[in-house]
Amino acid sequence: MKNIIICAAKTGGHIFPALGFAKEALKNDYKITFLGTNTDLEKKIFQQNENIDFIKFELDGFRGKSITQKLIFLIKLPLIFFQVISIIISRKISSVVCFGGFITVPVGFASIISLRKLYLHEQNSVVGSSNRLLSSFAKKMFTTFPISKNKKYFFIGNPSYIQNKKAIDIDQNDNLNILVTGGSQGADFINKNIPTTLNTLNTKLNVIHQCGLGKIQNVSKYNQEVNASILEFIDNLDEYIEWCDFAICRCGAGTLSEISQKKRGMIMIPLPESIDNHQYFNAVFYEKNNQGKIFQEKDSLDSLSYLLRKIIHEKIYQNWKKKEPPIDHSRAASLMLDEIHKDNAAI
């Protein structure tokens, strides 16, 4: 039995690829210790994955936080660092695999000090702060996008996390099907403006709108032309992607990769405040590969309405369904595991 640590925190964009890799590792006789934080999303996810040993730490992010929050972060770092070293030693961990987020910093440095192999996975088209900090110490850096900085970088795609199949509870009819999602945390801009914009189309639609935990009250009302179901969280996103004709979404790497893999097009709305503007650059990659169109929050809602009418009336969404994905994410987890296994076999 090979013992490894996997760590990821806070958002589905980090956690779901980590879980996808964890599932592959479990199938190949690895014992997993998963390190994360105490967010509501993580609690919900790991209640559904009781076969994974999950250890949570009280830690929030650093960039974009107040001075007080940054000080608290810096105080907690060494405490978590020593806790992780203890876990590495007591559980005879051979390798540590980090998927980004602030928890990566103390876990990554604990791996380095403990002389364990460190592997990183970068989901976005711009390398995040934690991965930049740790990359020179890592054995390998796996990437979702074709980023190539040196021989440590391995372009493999984004590991997929597929839950058990569930039936979709929505009426079956001849209406166009649209999936609206703001990512695992939801998006206020999408919750407020997409319903009102779809209402202006005067077109019969079926809509599944994922709004984020605790945010149902923030979703603007859909009119009677739109057969809408509002869901806080979707844990079988792939089912809804297959159901839809196209999606309106934020631009986290996980969301875009899952939709792309199912040959669905997207209206991509990047979060303007995303660190290093990575959501915009994620979206640019897919737009260049003709898998969707970018709409930015600074643009007018009239232009969004025009874009939607064009996609629907010219049936552009049908062309998107015929387009092969620019990245094959289906083997990402197994490719990662193969590389890690090679390194361990070479000892």
Protein backbone atom coordinates (compact mmCIF):
# COMPACT_ATOMS: atom_id res chain seq x y z
CA MET A 1 0.00 0.00 0.00
CA LYS A 2 1.43 3.39 -1.07
CA ASN A 3 0.57 6.32 1.20
CA ILE A 4 0.15 9.77 -0.34
CA ILE A 5 -1.25 13.13 0.69
CA ILE A 6 -3.55 15.05 -1.64
CA CYS A 7 -4.44 18.63 -0.78
CA ALA A 8 -6.85 21.22 -2.17
CA ALA A 9 -9.08 23.84 -0.61
CA LYS A 10 -12.11 26.10 -0.73
CA THR A 11 -13.40 26.03 -4.32
CA GLY A 12 -14.67 23.24 -6.52
CA GLY A 13 -12.09 24.29 -9.11
CA HIS A 14 -9.35 22.98 -6.83
CA ILE A 15 -11.24 20.25 -4.96
CA PHE A 16 -12.96 18.35 -7.78
CA PRO A 17 -9.80 17.69 -9.85
CA ALA A 18 -8.10 16.57 -6.63
CA LEU A 19 -10.99 14.18 -5.97
CA GLY A 20 -10.82 12.91 -9.54
CA PHE A 21 -7.17 12.08 -9.01
CA ALA A 22 -7.92 10.58 -5.57
CA LYS A 23 -10.48 8.19 -7.10
CA GLU A 24 -7.91 7.02 -9.65
CA ALA A 25 -5.27 6.56 -6.94
CA LEU A 26 -7.66 4.55 -4.74
CA LYS A 27 -8.36 2.20 -7.67
CA ASN A 28 -4.61 1.58 -7.92
CA ASP A 29 -4.01 0.57 -4.30
CA TYR A 30 -2.94 3.96 -2.96
CA LYS A 31 -3.97 5.03 0.53
CA ILE A 32 -5.12 8.66 0.53
CA THR A 33 -4.93 11.33 3.21
CA PHE A 34 -6.79 14.40 1.91
CA LEU A 35 -5.91 17.75 3.51
CA GLY A 36 -8.32 20.67 3.15
CA THR A 37 -10.11 23.41 5.07
CA ASN A 38 -13.35 23.84 6.95
CA THR A 39 -15.62 25.42 4.31
CA ASP A 40 -19.28 24.46 3.88
CA LEU A 41 -18.52 23.20 0.37
CA GLU A 42 -15.78 20.86 1.61
CA LYS A 43 -18.02 19.54 4.39
CA LYS A 44 -20.74 18.76 1.83
CA ILE A 45 -18.36 17.11 -0.62
CA PHE A 46 -16.62 14.89 1.92
CA GLN A 47 -19.88 13.78 3.50
CA GLN A 48 -20.46 12.14 0.09
CA ASN A 49 -16.93 10.66 -0.01
CA GLU A 50 -16.60 8.90 3.31
CA ASN A 51 -14.06 6.43 1.90
CA ILE A 52 -11.49 9.26 1.74
CA ASP A 53 -9.67 10.17 4.97
CA PHE A 54 -10.24 13.94 5.14
CA ILE A 55 -8.34 16.17 7.60
CA LYS A 56 -9.44 19.81 7.75
CA PHE A 57 -7.53 22.88 8.92
CA GLU A 58 -8.81 26.32 9.90
CA LEU A 59 -7.16 28.49 7.27
CA ASP A 60 -8.32 31.23 4.91
CA GLY A 61 -6.58 32.82 1.93
CA PHE A 62 -3.99 35.62 1.74
CA ARG A 63 -4.25 37.58 -1.50
CA GLY A 64 -7.04 40.14 -1.55
CA LYS A 65 -7.58 39.94 2.23
CA SER A 66 -7.44 42.67 4.90
CA ILE A 67 -4.26 43.29 6.92
CA THR A 68 -5.83 41.55 9.94
CA GLN A 69 -6.77 38.49 7.88
CA LYS A 70 -3.27 38.36 6.39
CA LEU A 71 -1.72 38.46 9.87
CA ILE A 72 -3.97 35.61 11.04
CA PHE A 73 -2.95 33.62 7.95
CA LEU A 74 0.75 34.14 8.69
CA ILE A 75 0.30 33.11 12.34
CA LYS A 76 -1.53 29.92 11.39
CA LEU A 77 0.94 28.87 8.68
CA PRO A 78 3.71 27.53 10.98
CA LEU A 79 1.16 25.73 13.18
CA ILE A 80 -0.30 23.88 10.19
CA PHE A 81 3.18 23.32 8.77
CA PHE A 82 4.26 21.33 11.87
CA GLN A 83 0.95 19.45 11.98
CA VAL A 84 1.45 18.33 8.39
CA ILE A 85 5.03 17.20 9.09
CA SER A 86 3.64 15.07 11.92
CA ILE A 87 1.07 13.53 9.55
CA ILE A 88 3.74 12.83 6.91
CA ILE A 89 5.97 11.02 9.40
CA SER A 90 3.27 9.11 11.32
CA ARG A 91 1.52 7.90 8.15
CA LYS A 92 4.72 7.10 6.26
CA ILE A 93 3.73 9.34 3.36
CA SER A 94 5.85 8.87 0.23
CA SER A 95 4.52 11.70 -1.97
CA VAL A 96 2.44 14.87 -1.64
CA VAL A 97 0.18 16.03 -4.49
CA CYS A 98 -1.15 19.61 -4.29
CA PHE A 99 -3.97 21.02 -6.41
CA GLY A 100 -3.72 24.69 -5.49
CA GLY A 101 -5.39 26.97 -3.01
CA PHE A 102 -3.87 28.47 0.11
CA ILE A 103 -3.61 25.12 1.94
CA THR A 104 -0.94 24.19 -0.63
CA VAL A 105 1.63 26.54 0.96
CA PRO A 106 2.10 24.90 4.40
CA VAL A 107 1.50 21.41 2.99
CA GLY A 108 3.99 21.93 0.17
CA PHE A 109 6.73 23.25 2.44
CA ALA A 110 6.11 20.45 4.95
CA SER A 111 6.67 18.01 2.08
CA ILE A 112 9.93 19.72 1.13
CA ILE A 113 11.31 19.79 4.69
CA SER A 114 10.29 16.15 5.17
CA LEU A 115 12.16 15.21 1.97
CA ARG A 116 9.02 13.79 0.32
CA LYS A 117 8.36 14.14 -3.39
CA LEU A 118 6.11 17.11 -4.15
CA TYR A 119 3.81 17.19 -7.18
CA LEU A 120 1.67 20.15 -8.24
CA HIS A 121 -1.35 20.43 -10.51
CA GLU A 122 -2.28 23.80 -12.02
CA GLN A 123 -5.88 24.02 -13.22
CA ASN A 124 -5.75 27.49 -14.78
CA SER A 125 -4.05 29.03 -17.80
CA VAL A 126 -2.10 31.33 -15.43
CA VAL A 127 -0.03 29.61 -12.73
CA GLY A 128 -1.42 30.51 -9.30
CA SER A 129 0.48 32.08 -6.41
CA SER A 130 0.92 28.90 -4.36
CA ASN A 131 2.12 26.85 -7.31
CA ARG A 132 4.51 29.62 -8.42
CA LEU A 133 6.00 29.69 -4.93
CA LEU A 134 6.48 25.92 -4.78
CA SER A 135 7.26 25.08 -8.41
CA SER A 136 11.06 25.21 -8.09
CA PHE A 137 10.90 22.59 -5.31
CA ALA A 138 8.41 20.28 -7.03
CA LYS A 139 9.32 17.04 -8.75
CA LYS A 140 6.74 17.73 -11.47
CA MET A 141 4.09 20.32 -12.33
CA PHE A 142 1.03 18.97 -14.14
CA THR A 143 -1.07 21.47 -16.11
CA THR A 144 -4.58 21.64 -17.54
CA PHE A 145 -3.58 24.08 -20.29
CA PRO A 146 -0.55 23.83 -22.62
CA ILE A 147 1.77 25.84 -20.35
CA SER A 148 5.43 24.94 -20.94
CA LYS A 149 8.05 26.71 -18.83
CA ASN A 150 10.61 23.93 -18.33
CA LYS A 151 11.03 20.13 -18.34
CA LYS A 152 9.12 19.81 -15.03
CA TYR A 153 5.87 20.83 -16.75
CA PHE A 154 3.57 18.04 -17.99
CA PHE A 155 0.48 19.04 -19.98
CA ILE A 156 -2.16 16.42 -19.12
CA GLY A 157 -5.54 18.19 -18.78
CA ASN A 158 -7.83 18.42 -15.76
CA PRO A 159 -8.73 15.23 -13.80
CA SER A 160 -12.48 14.57 -14.00
CA TYR A 161 -14.57 13.82 -10.94
CA ILE A 162 -17.73 11.90 -11.82
CA GLN A 163 -20.32 11.18 -9.13
CA ASN A 164 -22.88 8.39 -9.31
CA LYS A 165 -25.43 8.90 -12.08
CA LYS A 166 -28.65 10.61 -11.04
CA ALA A 167 -31.83 11.27 -13.00
CA ILE A 168 -32.43 14.90 -13.93
CA ASP A 169 -35.71 16.12 -12.48
CA ILE A 170 -37.07 18.42 -15.19
CA ASP A 171 -39.92 18.17 -17.68
CA GLN A 172 -39.01 16.70 -21.08
CA ASN A 173 -40.21 18.82 -24.03
CA ASP A 174 -38.98 20.38 -27.27
CA ASN A 175 -37.67 23.57 -25.67
CA LEU A 176 -34.04 24.59 -25.90
CA ASN A 177 -32.09 23.46 -22.81
CA ILE A 178 -29.67 25.91 -21.15
CA LEU A 179 -27.43 25.21 -18.16
CA VAL A 180 -26.57 28.28 -16.07
CA THR A 181 -23.81 27.92 -13.48
CA GLY A 182 -21.70 30.32 -11.49
CA GLY A 183 -19.34 27.60 -10.30
CA SER A 184 -19.40 25.83 -6.95
CA GLN A 185 -19.73 29.12 -5.02
CA GLY A 186 -22.27 30.70 -7.33
CA ALA A 187 -21.96 34.13 -8.97
CA ASP A 188 -23.99 37.19 -7.98
CA PHE A 189 -23.74 38.74 -11.45
CA ILE A 190 -25.10 35.59 -13.08
CA ASN A 191 -27.82 35.11 -10.45
CA LYS A 192 -29.06 38.66 -10.93
CA ASN A 193 -28.70 39.24 -14.67
CA ILE A 194 -29.05 35.95 -16.54
CA PRO A 195 -32.73 35.37 -15.60
CA THR A 196 -33.73 38.89 -16.63
CA THR A 197 -31.77 38.62 -19.89
CA LEU A 198 -33.25 35.23 -20.81
CA ASN A 199 -36.71 36.68 -20.07
CA THR A 200 -36.21 39.26 -22.84
CA LEU A 201 -35.76 36.59 -25.53
CA ASN A 202 -39.46 35.62 -25.64
CA THR A 203 -38.36 32.07 -26.38
CA LYS A 204 -39.54 28.91 -24.65
CA LEU A 205 -36.58 27.55 -22.71
CA ASN A 206 -35.71 24.91 -20.15
CA VAL A 207 -33.14 26.24 -17.70
CA ILE A 208 -31.19 24.59 -14.91
CA HIS A 209 -29.65 27.39 -12.83
CA GLN A 210 -27.03 26.47 -10.21
CA CYS A 211 -26.77 29.48 -7.91
CA GLY A 212 -24.41 28.52 -5.03
CA LEU A 213 -25.02 27.40 -1.46
CA GLY A 214 -27.39 29.74 0.41
CA LYS A 215 -28.01 31.97 -2.62
CA ILE A 216 -31.43 30.91 -3.93
CA GLN A 217 -33.02 34.13 -2.64
CA ASN A 218 -30.54 36.16 -4.72
CA VAL A 219 -31.69 34.73 -8.07
CA SER A 220 -33.89 37.07 -10.13
CA LYS A 221 -37.24 35.62 -11.19
CA TYR A 222 -37.66 33.85 -14.51
CA ASN A 223 -40.87 34.53 -16.44
CA GLN A 224 -43.42 31.94 -17.57
CA GLU A 225 -41.70 31.40 -20.93
CA VAL A 226 -38.77 29.89 -19.07
CA ASN A 227 -39.19 26.51 -17.40
CA ALA A 228 -36.49 27.03 -14.75
CA SER A 229 -35.19 24.90 -11.90
CA ILE A 230 -32.97 26.68 -9.37
CA LEU A 231 -30.43 24.47 -7.57
CA GLU A 232 -27.95 25.55 -4.90
CA PHE A 233 -25.37 22.94 -5.81
CA ILE A 234 -24.95 20.31 -8.52
CA ASP A 235 -22.88 17.26 -7.62
CA ASN A 236 -23.50 15.44 -10.91
CA LEU A 237 -22.67 18.30 -13.27
CA ASP A 238 -21.79 16.00 -16.16
CA GLU A 239 -25.43 14.80 -16.32
CA TYR A 240 -26.69 18.36 -16.70
CA ILE A 241 -24.03 19.18 -19.29
CA GLU A 242 -25.20 16.24 -21.42
CA TRP A 243 -28.79 17.46 -20.99
CA CYS A 244 -28.14 21.03 -22.10
CA ASP A 245 -27.76 22.47 -25.60
CA PHE A 246 -25.26 25.04 -24.33
CA ALA A 247 -24.16 26.62 -21.06
CA ILE A 248 -23.82 30.09 -19.56
CA CYS A 249 -21.05 29.94 -16.99
CA ARG A 250 -18.18 31.37 -15.02
CA CYS A 251 -14.72 30.50 -16.30
CA GLY A 252 -13.07 28.34 -13.69
CA ALA A 253 -10.92 25.71 -15.35
CA GLY A 254 -12.99 22.83 -13.96
CA THR A 255 -16.29 24.15 -15.28
CA LEU A 256 -14.89 24.91 -18.74
CA SER A 257 -13.08 21.58 -19.04
CA GLU A 258 -16.16 19.54 -18.07
CA ILE A 259 -18.43 21.40 -20.50
CA SER A 260 -15.85 21.22 -23.29
CA GLN A 261 -15.30 17.49 -22.76
CA LYS A 262 -19.04 16.88 -23.35
CA LYS A 263 -18.91 18.87 -26.63
CA ARG A 264 -21.12 21.70 -25.44
CA GLY A 265 -20.54 25.35 -26.22
CA MET A 266 -20.52 28.14 -23.68
CA ILE A 267 -21.21 31.78 -23.09
CA MET A 268 -18.31 32.40 -20.74
CA ILE A 269 -18.55 35.20 -18.16
CA PRO A 270 -15.16 35.61 -16.42
CA LEU A 271 -15.04 36.80 -12.82
CA PRO A 272 -13.35 40.24 -13.16
CA GLU A 273 -11.76 39.94 -9.71
CA SER A 274 -10.21 36.51 -10.33
CA ILE A 275 -6.56 36.51 -9.26
CA ASP A 276 -4.23 37.38 -12.16
CA ASN A 277 -7.40 37.59 -14.30
CA HIS A 278 -7.03 33.83 -14.83
CA GLN A 279 -10.73 33.26 -15.61
CA TYR A 280 -10.53 35.58 -18.60
CA PHE A 281 -7.43 33.81 -19.95
CA ASN A 282 -9.07 30.41 -19.40
CA ALA A 283 -12.01 31.60 -21.50
CA VAL A 284 -9.77 33.03 -24.24
CA PHE A 285 -8.32 29.55 -24.83
CA TYR A 286 -11.76 28.02 -25.43
CA GLU A 287 -13.01 30.95 -27.52
CA LYS A 288 -9.94 30.65 -29.77
CA ASN A 289 -10.82 26.98 -30.19
CA ASN A 290 -14.41 27.85 -31.22
CA GLN A 291 -16.07 26.32 -28.17
CA GLY A 292 -17.81 29.43 -26.94
CA LYS A 293 -18.05 33.19 -26.70
CA ILE A 294 -16.79 35.52 -23.98
CA PHE A 295 -19.11 38.07 -22.40
CA GLN A 296 -17.52 40.42 -19.86
CA GLU A 297 -19.43 42.01 -16.99
CA LYS A 298 -18.42 45.49 -18.20
CA ASP A 299 -20.34 44.86 -21.45
CA SER A 300 -24.01 45.86 -21.73
CA LEU A 301 -26.80 43.38 -21.06
CA ASP A 302 -28.24 44.37 -24.44
CA SER A 303 -25.13 42.93 -26.07
CA LEU A 304 -25.61 39.72 -24.06
CA SER A 305 -29.22 39.52 -25.24
CA TYR A 306 -28.05 40.04 -28.84
CA LEU A 307 -25.43 37.29 -28.45
CA LEU A 308 -28.01 34.86 -27.06
CA ARG A 309 -30.47 35.58 -29.89
CA LYS A 310 -27.72 35.02 -32.46
CA ILE A 311 -26.66 31.69 -30.88
CA ILE A 312 -30.26 30.47 -30.68
CA HIS A 313 -31.66 31.69 -34.02
CA GLU A 314 -28.57 30.77 -36.07
CA LYS A 315 -28.29 27.46 -34.17
CA ILE A 316 -24.63 28.13 -33.39
CA TYR A 317 -24.98 25.79 -30.43
CA GLN A 318 -25.40 22.90 -32.91
CA ASN A 319 -22.00 23.69 -34.43
CA TRP A 320 -20.45 23.66 -30.96
CA LYS A 321 -21.76 20.12 -30.41
CA LYS A 322 -19.82 18.92 -33.47
CA LYS A 323 -16.55 20.46 -32.30
CA GLU A 324 -13.92 18.12 -30.84
CA PRO A 325 -12.59 19.31 -27.45
CA PRO A 326 -9.20 21.06 -27.73
CA ILE A 327 -7.99 19.12 -24.66
CA ASP A 328 -8.72 15.50 -23.77
CA HIS A 329 -9.27 15.55 -20.00
CA SER A 330 -10.48 11.95 -19.75
CA ARG A 331 -7.03 10.48 -19.07
CA ALA A 332 -5.59 13.30 -16.94
CA ALA A 333 -5.81 11.44 -13.62
CA SER A 334 -4.27 8.23 -14.99
CA LEU A 335 -1.45 10.17 -16.70
CA MET A 336 -0.65 11.93 -13.42
CA LEU A 337 -0.63 8.67 -11.52
CA ASP A 338 1.60 7.01 -14.14
CA GLU A 339 4.23 9.73 -13.75
CA ILE A 340 4.13 9.54 -9.95
CA HIS A 341 4.33 5.74 -10.06
CA LYS A 342 7.36 5.92 -12.38
CA ASP A 343 9.19 8.16 -9.92
CA ASN A 344 8.42 5.87 -6.99
CA ALA A 345 9.36 2.74 -8.96
CA ALA A 346 12.74 4.29 -9.79
CA ILE A 347 13.76 4.50 -6.11
